[in-house]
Amino acid sequence: HRLFDKQLDALGQRFSCLVWDAPGH
């Protein structure tokens, strides 16, 4: 999920967001 930290930090203020750690990750 850390791959998208910059996206969630910025876009999470405007949109609802979900990110996962895929199985095994």
mmCIF file of all heavy atoms, coordinates in Angstrom:
data_MODEL
# 
_entry.id   MODEL 
# 
loop_
_atom_site.group_PDB 
_atom_site.id 
_atom_site.type_symbol 
_atom_site.label_atom_id 
_atom_site.label_alt_id 
_atom_site.label_comp_id 
_atom_site.label_asym_id 
_atom_site.label_entity_id 
_atom_site.label_seq_id 
_atom_site.pdbx_PDB_ins_code 
_atom_site.Cartn_x 
_atom_site.Cartn_y 
_atom_site.Cartn_z 
_atom_site.occupancy 
_atom_site.B_iso_or_equiv 
_atom_site.pdbx_formal_charge 
_atom_site.auth_seq_id 
_atom_site.auth_comp_id 
_atom_site.auth_asym_id 
_atom_site.auth_atom_id 
_atom_site.pdbx_PDB_model_num 
ATOM 1   N N   . HIS A 1 1  ? 0.805   -1.222  0.000  1.00 0.00 ? 1  HIS A N   1 
ATOM 2   C CA  . HIS A 1 1  ? 0.000   0.000   0.000  1.00 0.00 ? 1  HIS A CA  1 
ATOM 3   C C   . HIS A 1 1  ? 0.837   1.270   0.000  1.00 0.00 ? 1  HIS A C   1 
ATOM 4   O O   . HIS A 1 1  ? 0.376   2.327   -0.444 1.00 0.00 ? 1  HIS A O   1 
ATOM 5   C CB  . HIS A 1 1  ? -0.939  0.006   1.209  1.00 0.00 ? 1  HIS A CB  1 
ATOM 6   C CG  . HIS A 1 1  ? -0.240  0.159   2.528  1.00 0.00 ? 1  HIS A CG  1 
ATOM 7   N ND1 . HIS A 1 1  ? 0.382   -0.891  3.173  1.00 0.00 ? 1  HIS A ND1 1 
ATOM 8   C CD2 . HIS A 1 1  ? -0.040  1.249   3.312  1.00 0.00 ? 1  HIS A CD2 1 
ATOM 9   C CE1 . HIS A 1 1  ? 0.913   -0.463  4.311  1.00 0.00 ? 1  HIS A CE1 1 
ATOM 10  N NE2 . HIS A 1 1  ? 0.679   0.825   4.415  1.00 0.00 ? 1  HIS A NE2 1 
ATOM 11  N N   . ARG A 1 2  ? 2.090   1.187   0.466  1.00 0.00 ? 2  ARG A N   1 
ATOM 12  C CA  . ARG A 1 2  ? 2.945   2.372   0.512  1.00 0.00 ? 2  ARG A CA  1 
ATOM 13  C C   . ARG A 1 2  ? 3.237   2.932   -0.876 1.00 0.00 ? 2  ARG A C   1 
ATOM 14  O O   . ARG A 1 2  ? 3.602   4.095   -1.021 1.00 0.00 ? 2  ARG A O   1 
ATOM 15  C CB  . ARG A 1 2  ? 4.245   2.035   1.241  1.00 0.00 ? 2  ARG A CB  1 
ATOM 16  C CG  . ARG A 1 2  ? 4.060   1.847   2.735  1.00 0.00 ? 2  ARG A CG  1 
ATOM 17  C CD  . ARG A 1 2  ? 5.324   1.347   3.410  1.00 0.00 ? 2  ARG A CD  1 
ATOM 18  N NE  . ARG A 1 2  ? 5.574   -0.067  3.125  1.00 0.00 ? 2  ARG A NE  1 
ATOM 19  C CZ  . ARG A 1 2  ? 6.546   -0.774  3.695  1.00 0.00 ? 2  ARG A CZ  1 
ATOM 20  N NH1 . ARG A 1 2  ? 7.363   -0.191  4.550  1.00 0.00 ? 2  ARG A NH1 1 
ATOM 21  N NH2 . ARG A 1 2  ? 6.697   -2.056  3.405  1.00 0.00 ? 2  ARG A NH2 1 
ATOM 22  N N   . LEU A 1 3  ? 3.059   2.104   -1.904 1.00 0.00 ? 3  LEU A N   1 
ATOM 23  C CA  . LEU A 1 3  ? 3.276   2.569   -3.272 1.00 0.00 ? 3  LEU A CA  1 
ATOM 24  C C   . LEU A 1 3  ? 2.378   3.754   -3.608 1.00 0.00 ? 3  LEU A C   1 
ATOM 25  O O   . LEU A 1 3  ? 2.725   4.612   -4.428 1.00 0.00 ? 3  LEU A O   1 
ATOM 26  C CB  . LEU A 1 3  ? 3.011   1.423   -4.262 1.00 0.00 ? 3  LEU A CB  1 
ATOM 27  C CG  . LEU A 1 3  ? 3.325   1.710   -5.717 1.00 0.00 ? 3  LEU A CG  1 
ATOM 28  C CD1 . LEU A 1 3  ? 4.828   1.599   -5.972 1.00 0.00 ? 3  LEU A CD1 1 
ATOM 29  C CD2 . LEU A 1 3  ? 2.576   0.754   -6.646 1.00 0.00 ? 3  LEU A CD2 1 
ATOM 30  N N   . PHE A 1 4  ? 1.193   3.824   -2.968 1.00 0.00 ? 4  PHE A N   1 
ATOM 31  C CA  . PHE A 1 4  ? 0.212   4.857   -3.284 1.00 0.00 ? 4  PHE A CA  1 
ATOM 32  C C   . PHE A 1 4  ? 0.073   5.895   -2.171 1.00 0.00 ? 4  PHE A C   1 
ATOM 33  O O   . PHE A 1 4  ? -0.942  6.615   -2.129 1.00 0.00 ? 4  PHE A O   1 
ATOM 34  C CB  . PHE A 1 4  ? -1.147  4.210   -3.570 1.00 0.00 ? 4  PHE A CB  1 
ATOM 35  C CG  . PHE A 1 4  ? -1.224  3.527   -4.913 1.00 0.00 ? 4  PHE A CG  1 
ATOM 36  C CD1 . PHE A 1 4  ? -1.342  2.148   -5.000 1.00 0.00 ? 4  PHE A CD1 1 
ATOM 37  C CD2 . PHE A 1 4  ? -1.179  4.259   -6.087 1.00 0.00 ? 4  PHE A CD2 1 
ATOM 38  C CE1 . PHE A 1 4  ? -1.419  1.515   -6.238 1.00 0.00 ? 4  PHE A CE1 1 
ATOM 39  C CE2 . PHE A 1 4  ? -1.258  3.635   -7.328 1.00 0.00 ? 4  PHE A CE2 1 
ATOM 40  C CZ  . PHE A 1 4  ? -1.378  2.260   -7.402 1.00 0.00 ? 4  PHE A CZ  1 
ATOM 41  N N   . ASP A 1 5  ? 1.059   6.008   -1.286 1.00 0.00 ? 5  ASP A N   1 
ATOM 42  C CA  . ASP A 1 5  ? 0.962   6.986   -0.205 1.00 0.00 ? 5  ASP A CA  1 
ATOM 43  C C   . ASP A 1 5  ? 0.730   8.399   -0.721 1.00 0.00 ? 5  ASP A C   1 
ATOM 44  O O   . ASP A 1 5  ? -0.100  9.148   -0.185 1.00 0.00 ? 5  ASP A O   1 
ATOM 45  C CB  . ASP A 1 5  ? 2.235   6.959   0.650  1.00 0.00 ? 5  ASP A CB  1 
ATOM 46  C CG  . ASP A 1 5  ? 2.201   5.877   1.719  1.00 0.00 ? 5  ASP A CG  1 
ATOM 47  O OD1 . ASP A 1 5  ? 1.131   5.271   1.918  1.00 0.00 ? 5  ASP A OD1 1 
ATOM 48  O OD2 . ASP A 1 5  ? 3.248   5.646   2.354  1.00 0.00 ? 5  ASP A OD2 1 
ATOM 49  N N   . LYS A 1 6  ? 1.463   8.808   -1.760 1.00 0.00 ? 6  LYS A N   1 
ATOM 50  C CA  . LYS A 1 6  ? 1.327   10.167  -2.289 1.00 0.00 ? 6  LYS A CA  1 
ATOM 51  C C   . LYS A 1 6  ? -0.052  10.402  -2.901 1.00 0.00 ? 6  LYS A C   1 
ATOM 52  O O   . LYS A 1 6  ? -0.570  11.529  -2.882 1.00 0.00 ? 6  LYS A O   1 
ATOM 53  C CB  . LYS A 1 6  ? 2.405   10.434  -3.339 1.00 0.00 ? 6  LYS A CB  1 
ATOM 54  C CG  . LYS A 1 6  ? 3.829   10.483  -2.800 1.00 0.00 ? 6  LYS A CG  1 
ATOM 55  C CD  . LYS A 1 6  ? 4.094   11.736  -1.994 1.00 0.00 ? 6  LYS A CD  1 
ATOM 56  C CE  . LYS A 1 6  ? 5.568   11.863  -1.645 1.00 0.00 ? 6  LYS A CE  1 
ATOM 57  N NZ  . LYS A 1 6  ? 5.839   13.071  -0.826 1.00 0.00 ? 6  LYS A NZ  1 
ATOM 58  N N   . GLN A 1 7  ? -0.645  9.336   -3.450 1.00 0.00 ? 7  GLN A N   1 
ATOM 59  C CA  . GLN A 1 7  ? -1.979  9.474   -4.027 1.00 0.00 ? 7  GLN A CA  1 
ATOM 60  C C   . GLN A 1 7  ? -3.036  9.607   -2.923 1.00 0.00 ? 7  GLN A C   1 
ATOM 61  O O   . GLN A 1 7  ? -3.912  10.473  -3.003 1.00 0.00 ? 7  GLN A O   1 
ATOM 62  C CB  . GLN A 1 7  ? -2.301  8.267   -4.918 1.00 0.00 ? 7  GLN A CB  1 
ATOM 63  C CG  . GLN A 1 7  ? -1.664  8.321   -6.289 1.00 0.00 ? 7  GLN A CG  1 
ATOM 64  C CD  . GLN A 1 7  ? -0.140  8.267   -6.270 1.00 0.00 ? 7  GLN A CD  1 
ATOM 65  O OE1 . GLN A 1 7  ? 0.434   7.333   -5.721 1.00 0.00 ? 7  GLN A OE1 1 
ATOM 66  N NE2 . GLN A 1 7  ? 0.513   9.260   -6.846 1.00 0.00 ? 7  GLN A NE2 1 
ATOM 67  N N   . LEU A 1 8  ? -2.934  8.774   -1.897 1.00 0.00 ? 8  LEU A N   1 
ATOM 68  C CA  . LEU A 1 8  ? -3.926  8.850   -0.825 1.00 0.00 ? 8  LEU A CA  1 
ATOM 69  C C   . LEU A 1 8  ? -3.796  10.140  -0.038 1.00 0.00 ? 8  LEU A C   1 
ATOM 70  O O   . LEU A 1 8  ? -4.807  10.712  0.385  1.00 0.00 ? 8  LEU A O   1 
ATOM 71  C CB  . LEU A 1 8  ? -3.827  7.629   0.092  1.00 0.00 ? 8  LEU A CB  1 
ATOM 72  C CG  . LEU A 1 8  ? -4.735  6.464   -0.321 1.00 0.00 ? 8  LEU A CG  1 
ATOM 73  C CD1 . LEU A 1 8  ? -4.191  5.760   -1.563 1.00 0.00 ? 8  LEU A CD1 1 
ATOM 74  C CD2 . LEU A 1 8  ? -4.930  5.473   0.800  1.00 0.00 ? 8  LEU A CD2 1 
ATOM 75  N N   . ASP A 1 9  ? -2.572  10.621  0.169  1.00 0.00 ? 9  ASP A N   1 
ATOM 76  C CA  . ASP A 1 9  ? -2.384  11.873  0.902  1.00 0.00 ? 9  ASP A CA  1 
ATOM 77  C C   . ASP A 1 9  ? -3.062  13.032  0.185  1.00 0.00 ? 9  ASP A C   1 
ATOM 78  O O   . ASP A 1 9  ? -3.687  13.896  0.812  1.00 0.00 ? 9  ASP A O   1 
ATOM 79  C CB  . ASP A 1 9  ? -0.894  12.175  1.071  1.00 0.00 ? 9  ASP A CB  1 
ATOM 80  C CG  . ASP A 1 9  ? -0.221  11.265  2.082  1.00 0.00 ? 9  ASP A CG  1 
ATOM 81  O OD1 . ASP A 1 9  ? -0.934  10.596  2.847  1.00 0.00 ? 9  ASP A OD1 1 
ATOM 82  O OD2 . ASP A 1 9  ? 1.024   11.222  2.094  1.00 0.00 ? 9  ASP A OD2 1 
ATOM 83  N N   . ALA A 1 10 ? -2.948  13.073  -1.141 1.00 0.00 ? 10 ALA A N   1 
ATOM 84  C CA  . ALA A 1 10 ? -3.492  14.199  -1.907 1.00 0.00 ? 10 ALA A CA  1 
ATOM 85  C C   . ALA A 1 10 ? -4.952  13.987  -2.293 1.00 0.00 ? 10 ALA A C   1 
ATOM 86  O O   . ALA A 1 10 ? -5.805  14.850  -2.071 1.00 0.00 ? 10 ALA A O   1 
ATOM 87  C CB  . ALA A 1 10 ? -2.648  14.434  -3.154 1.00 0.00 ? 10 ALA A CB  1 
ATOM 88  N N   . LEU A 1 11 ? -5.252  12.833  -2.864 1.00 0.00 ? 11 LEU A N   1 
ATOM 89  C CA  . LEU A 1 11 ? -6.595  12.593  -3.394 1.00 0.00 ? 11 LEU A CA  1 
ATOM 90  C C   . LEU A 1 11 ? -7.585  12.187  -2.313 1.00 0.00 ? 11 LEU A C   1 
ATOM 91  O O   . LEU A 1 11 ? -8.796  12.326  -2.494 1.00 0.00 ? 11 LEU A O   1 
ATOM 92  C CB  . LEU A 1 11 ? -6.529  11.524  -4.483 1.00 0.00 ? 11 LEU A CB  1 
ATOM 93  C CG  . LEU A 1 11 ? -5.683  11.908  -5.697 1.00 0.00 ? 11 LEU A CG  1 
ATOM 94  C CD1 . LEU A 1 11 ? -5.502  10.706  -6.625 1.00 0.00 ? 11 LEU A CD1 1 
ATOM 95  C CD2 . LEU A 1 11 ? -6.296  13.064  -6.459 1.00 0.00 ? 11 LEU A CD2 1 
ATOM 96  N N   . GLY A 1 12 ? -7.069  11.685  -1.181 1.00 0.00 ? 12 GLY A N   1 
ATOM 97  C CA  . GLY A 1 12 ? -7.955  11.301  -0.092 1.00 0.00 ? 12 GLY A CA  1 
ATOM 98  C C   . GLY A 1 12 ? -8.688  12.473  0.531  1.00 0.00 ? 12 GLY A C   1 
ATOM 99  O O   . GLY A 1 12 ? -9.647  12.276  1.283  1.00 0.00 ? 12 GLY A O   1 
ATOM 100 N N   . GLN A 1 13 ? -8.264  13.685  0.235  1.00 0.00 ? 13 GLN A N   1 
ATOM 101 C CA  . GLN A 1 13 ? -8.966  14.868  0.723  1.00 0.00 ? 13 GLN A CA  1 
ATOM 102 C C   . GLN A 1 13 ? -10.171 15.213  -0.155 1.00 0.00 ? 13 GLN A C   1 
ATOM 103 O O   . GLN A 1 13 ? -11.046 15.970  0.267  1.00 0.00 ? 13 GLN A O   1 
ATOM 104 C CB  . GLN A 1 13 ? -7.999  16.050  0.753  1.00 0.00 ? 13 GLN A CB  1 
ATOM 105 C CG  . GLN A 1 13 ? -6.780  15.821  1.630  1.00 0.00 ? 13 GLN A CG  1 
ATOM 106 C CD  . GLN A 1 13 ? -5.767  16.949  1.510  1.00 0.00 ? 13 GLN A CD  1 
ATOM 107 O OE1 . GLN A 1 13 ? -6.129  18.091  1.216  1.00 0.00 ? 13 GLN A OE1 1 
ATOM 108 N NE2 . GLN A 1 13 ? -4.494  16.645  1.723  1.00 0.00 ? 13 GLN A NE2 1 
ATOM 109 N N   . ARG A 1 14 ? -10.196 14.653  -1.362 1.00 0.00 ? 14 ARG A N   1 
ATOM 110 C CA  . ARG A 1 14 ? -11.269 14.969  -2.318 1.00 0.00 ? 14 ARG A CA  1 
ATOM 111 C C   . ARG A 1 14 ? -12.186 13.788  -2.590 1.00 0.00 ? 14 ARG A C   1 
ATOM 112 O O   . ARG A 1 14 ? -13.350 13.981  -2.954 1.00 0.00 ? 14 ARG A O   1 
ATOM 113 C CB  . ARG A 1 14 ? -10.655 15.443  -3.637 1.00 0.00 ? 14 ARG A CB  1 
ATOM 114 C CG  . ARG A 1 14 ? -9.792  16.677  -3.507 1.00 0.00 ? 14 ARG A CG  1 
ATOM 115 C CD  . ARG A 1 14 ? -9.128  17.043  -4.820 1.00 0.00 ? 14 ARG A CD  1 
ATOM 116 N NE  . ARG A 1 14 ? -10.078 17.253  -5.902 1.00 0.00 ? 14 ARG A NE  1 
ATOM 117 C CZ  . ARG A 1 14 ? -9.743  17.536  -7.152 1.00 0.00 ? 14 ARG A CZ  1 
ATOM 118 N NH1 . ARG A 1 14 ? -8.451  17.636  -7.467 1.00 0.00 ? 14 ARG A NH1 1 
ATOM 119 N NH2 . ARG A 1 14 ? -10.652 17.708  -8.082 1.00 0.00 ? 14 ARG A NH2 1 
ATOM 120 N N   . PHE A 1 15 ? -11.639 12.574  -2.484 1.00 0.00 ? 15 PHE A N   1 
ATOM 121 C CA  . PHE A 1 15 ? -12.404 11.378  -2.812 1.00 0.00 ? 15 PHE A CA  1 
ATOM 122 C C   . PHE A 1 15 ? -12.244 10.331  -1.709 1.00 0.00 ? 15 PHE A C   1 
ATOM 123 O O   . PHE A 1 15 ? -11.238 10.327  -1.000 1.00 0.00 ? 15 PHE A O   1 
ATOM 124 C CB  . PHE A 1 15 ? -11.911 10.774  -4.133 1.00 0.00 ? 15 PHE A CB  1 
ATOM 125 C CG  . PHE A 1 15 ? -11.868 11.736  -5.281 1.00 0.00 ? 15 PHE A CG  1 
ATOM 126 C CD1 . PHE A 1 15 ? -10.662 12.293  -5.699 1.00 0.00 ? 15 PHE A CD1 1 
ATOM 127 C CD2 . PHE A 1 15 ? -13.024 12.099  -5.946 1.00 0.00 ? 15 PHE A CD2 1 
ATOM 128 C CE1 . PHE A 1 15 ? -10.603 13.176  -6.765 1.00 0.00 ? 15 PHE A CE1 1 
ATOM 129 C CE2 . PHE A 1 15 ? -12.982 12.992  -7.015 1.00 0.00 ? 15 PHE A CE2 1 
ATOM 130 C CZ  . PHE A 1 15 ? -11.776 13.537  -7.420 1.00 0.00 ? 15 PHE A CZ  1 
ATOM 131 N N   . SER A 1 16 ? -13.224 9.451   -1.602 1.00 0.00 ? 16 SER A N   1 
ATOM 132 C CA  . SER A 1 16 ? -13.070 8.290   -0.732 1.00 0.00 ? 16 SER A CA  1 
ATOM 133 C C   . SER A 1 16 ? -12.116 7.316   -1.410 1.00 0.00 ? 16 SER A C   1 
ATOM 134 O O   . SER A 1 16 ? -12.175 7.119   -2.628 1.00 0.00 ? 16 SER A O   1 
ATOM 135 C CB  . SER A 1 16 ? -14.425 7.614   -0.491 1.00 0.00 ? 16 SER A CB  1 
ATOM 136 O OG  . SER A 1 16 ? -15.287 8.463   0.236  1.00 0.00 ? 16 SER A OG  1 
ATOM 137 N N   . CYS A 1 17 ? -11.220 6.717   -0.626 1.00 0.00 ? 17 CYS A N   1 
ATOM 138 C CA  . CYS A 1 17 ? -10.162 5.876   -1.204 1.00 0.00 ? 17 CYS A CA  1 
ATOM 139 C C   . CYS A 1 17 ? -10.040 4.556   -0.460 1.00 0.00 ? 17 CYS A C   1 
ATOM 140 O O   . CYS A 1 17 ? -10.307 4.473   0.744  1.00 0.00 ? 17 CYS A O   1 
ATOM 141 C CB  . CYS A 1 17 ? -8.811  6.588   -1.142 1.00 0.00 ? 17 CYS A CB  1 
ATOM 142 S SG  . CYS A 1 17 ? -8.715  8.124   -2.084 1.00 0.00 ? 17 CYS A SG  1 
ATOM 143 N N   . LEU A 1 18 ? -9.623  3.545   -1.198 1.00 0.00 ? 18 LEU A N   1 
ATOM 144 C CA  . LEU A 1 18 ? -9.277  2.242   -0.628 1.00 0.00 ? 18 LEU A CA  1 
ATOM 145 C C   . LEU A 1 18 ? -7.984  1.768   -1.270 1.00 0.00 ? 18 LEU A C   1 
ATOM 146 O O   . LEU A 1 18 ? -7.799  1.920   -2.479 1.00 0.00 ? 18 LEU A O   1 
ATOM 147 C CB  . LEU A 1 18 ? -10.393 1.215   -0.861 1.00 0.00 ? 18 LEU A CB  1 
ATOM 148 C CG  . LEU A 1 18 ? -10.164 -0.207  -0.310 1.00 0.00 ? 18 LEU A CG  1 
ATOM 149 C CD1 . LEU A 1 18 ? -11.485 -0.828  0.146  1.00 0.00 ? 18 LEU A CD1 1 
ATOM 150 C CD2 . LEU A 1 18 ? -9.482  -1.133  -1.328 1.00 0.00 ? 18 LEU A CD2 1 
ATOM 151 N N   . VAL A 1 19 ? -7.092  1.213   -0.459 1.00 0.00 ? 19 VAL A N   1 
ATOM 152 C CA  . VAL A 1 19 ? -5.863  0.604   -0.965 1.00 0.00 ? 19 VAL A CA  1 
ATOM 153 C C   . VAL A 1 19 ? -5.638  -0.681  -0.181 1.00 0.00 ? 19 VAL A C   1 
ATOM 154 O O   . VAL A 1 19 ? -5.979  -0.756  1.001  1.00 0.00 ? 19 VAL A O   1 
ATOM 155 C CB  . VAL A 1 19 ? -4.659  1.558   -0.809 1.00 0.00 ? 19 VAL A CB  1 
ATOM 156 C CG1 . VAL A 1 19 ? -4.384  1.886   0.657  1.00 0.00 ? 19 VAL A CG1 1 
ATOM 157 C CG2 . VAL A 1 19 ? -3.419  1.002   -1.482 1.00 0.00 ? 19 VAL A CG2 1 
ATOM 158 N N   . TRP A 1 20 ? -5.097  -1.705  -0.838 1.00 0.00 ? 20 TRP A N   1 
ATOM 159 C CA  . TRP A 1 20 ? -4.845  -2.948  -0.111 1.00 0.00 ? 20 TRP A CA  1 
ATOM 160 C C   . TRP A 1 20 ? -3.391  -3.371  -0.227 1.00 0.00 ? 20 TRP A C   1 
ATOM 161 O O   . TRP A 1 20 ? -2.637  -2.868  -1.056 1.00 0.00 ? 20 TRP A O   1 
ATOM 162 C CB  . TRP A 1 20 ? -5.779  -4.064  -0.578 1.00 0.00 ? 20 TRP A CB  1 
ATOM 163 C CG  . TRP A 1 20 ? -5.463  -4.724  -1.916 1.00 0.00 ? 20 TRP A CG  1 
ATOM 164 C CD1 . TRP A 1 20 ? -4.467  -4.401  -2.802 1.00 0.00 ? 20 TRP A CD1 1 
ATOM 165 C CD2 . TRP A 1 20 ? -6.156  -5.831  -2.510 1.00 0.00 ? 20 TRP A CD2 1 
ATOM 166 N NE1 . TRP A 1 20 ? -4.508  -5.231  -3.903 1.00 0.00 ? 20 TRP A NE1 1 
ATOM 167 C CE2 . TRP A 1 20 ? -5.521  -6.115  -3.754 1.00 0.00 ? 20 TRP A CE2 1 
ATOM 168 C CE3 . TRP A 1 20 ? -7.230  -6.615  -2.118 1.00 0.00 ? 20 TRP A CE3 1 
ATOM 169 C CZ2 . TRP A 1 20 ? -5.948  -7.147  -4.592 1.00 0.00 ? 20 TRP A CZ2 1 
ATOM 170 C CZ3 . TRP A 1 20 ? -7.656  -7.636  -2.945 1.00 0.00 ? 20 TRP A CZ3 1 
ATOM 171 C CH2 . TRP A 1 20 ? -7.027  -7.897  -4.171 1.00 0.00 ? 20 TRP A CH2 1 
ATOM 172 N N   . ASP A 1 21 ? -3.030  -4.281  0.683  1.00 0.00 ? 21 ASP A N   1 
ATOM 173 C CA  . ASP A 1 21 ? -1.849  -5.106  0.511  1.00 0.00 ? 21 ASP A CA  1 
ATOM 174 C C   . ASP A 1 21 ? -2.373  -6.410  -0.063 1.00 0.00 ? 21 ASP A C   1 
ATOM 175 O O   . ASP A 1 21 ? -3.093  -7.150  0.625  1.00 0.00 ? 21 ASP A O   1 
ATOM 176 C CB  . ASP A 1 21 ? -1.141  -5.370  1.847  1.00 0.00 ? 21 ASP A CB  1 
ATOM 177 C CG  . ASP A 1 21 ? -0.283  -4.201  2.299  1.00 0.00 ? 21 ASP A CG  1 
ATOM 178 O OD1 . ASP A 1 21 ? -0.158  -3.223  1.538  1.00 0.00 ? 21 ASP A OD1 1 
ATOM 179 O OD2 . ASP A 1 21 ? 0.254   -4.261  3.424  1.00 0.00 ? 21 ASP A OD2 1 
ATOM 180 N N   . ALA A 1 22 ? -2.071  -6.676  -1.323 1.00 0.00 ? 22 ALA A N   1 
ATOM 181 C CA  . ALA A 1 22 ? -2.574  -7.883  -1.974 1.00 0.00 ? 22 ALA A CA  1 
ATOM 182 C C   . ALA A 1 22 ? -2.099  -9.120  -1.215 1.00 0.00 ? 22 ALA A C   1 
ATOM 183 O O   . ALA A 1 22 ? -1.101  -9.075  -0.483 1.00 0.00 ? 22 ALA A O   1 
ATOM 184 C CB  . ALA A 1 22 ? -2.092  -7.936  -3.420 1.00 0.00 ? 22 ALA A CB  1 
ATOM 185 N N   . PRO A 1 23 ? -2.798  -10.236 -1.333 1.00 0.00 ? 23 PRO A N   1 
ATOM 186 C CA  . PRO A 1 23 ? -2.376  -11.477 -0.674 1.00 0.00 ? 23 PRO A CA  1 
ATOM 187 C C   . PRO A 1 23 ? -0.891  -11.773 -0.901 1.00 0.00 ? 23 PRO A C   1 
ATOM 188 O O   . PRO A 1 23 ? -0.399  -11.715 -2.026 1.00 0.00 ? 23 PRO A O   1 
ATOM 189 C CB  . PRO A 1 23 ? -3.267  -12.526 -1.326 1.00 0.00 ? 23 PRO A CB  1 
ATOM 190 C CG  . PRO A 1 23 ? -4.532  -11.788 -1.618 1.00 0.00 ? 23 PRO A CG  1 
ATOM 191 C CD  . PRO A 1 23 ? -4.067  -10.420 -2.052 1.00 0.00 ? 23 PRO A CD  1 
ATOM 192 N N   . GLY A 1 24 ? -0.192  -12.060 0.190  1.00 0.00 ? 24 GLY A N   1 
ATOM 193 C CA  . GLY A 1 24 ? 1.230   -12.365 0.121  1.00 0.00 ? 24 GLY A CA  1 
ATOM 194 C C   . GLY A 1 24 ? 2.130   -11.150 0.150  1.00 0.00 ? 24 GLY A C   1 
ATOM 195 O O   . GLY A 1 24 ? 3.352   -11.284 0.136  1.00 0.00 ? 24 GLY A O   1 
ATOM 196 N N   . HIS A 1 25 ? 1.538   -9.949  0.198  1.00 0.00 ? 25 HIS A N   1 
ATOM 197 C CA  . HIS A 1 25 ? 2.289   -8.699  0.159  1.00 0.00 ? 25 HIS A CA  1 
ATOM 198 C C   . HIS A 1 25 ? 2.140   -7.941  1.477  1.00 0.00 ? 25 HIS A C   1 
ATOM 199 O O   . HIS A 1 25 ? 1.081   -7.963  2.105  1.00 0.00 ? 25 HIS A O   1 
ATOM 200 C CB  . HIS A 1 25 ? 1.778   -7.797  -0.966 1.00 0.00 ? 25 HIS A CB  1 
ATOM 201 C CG  . HIS A 1 25 ? 1.978   -8.345  -2.345 1.00 0.00 ? 25 HIS A CG  1 
ATOM 202 N ND1 . HIS A 1 25 ? 1.293   -9.442  -2.816 1.00 0.00 ? 25 HIS A ND1 1 
ATOM 203 C CD2 . HIS A 1 25 ? 2.789   -7.931  -3.357 1.00 0.00 ? 25 HIS A CD2 1 
ATOM 204 C CE1 . HIS A 1 25 ? 1.667   -9.682  -4.076 1.00 0.00 ? 25 HIS A CE1 1 
ATOM 205 N NE2 . HIS A 1 25 ? 2.574   -8.788  -4.421 1.00 0.00 ? 25 HIS A NE2 1 
# 
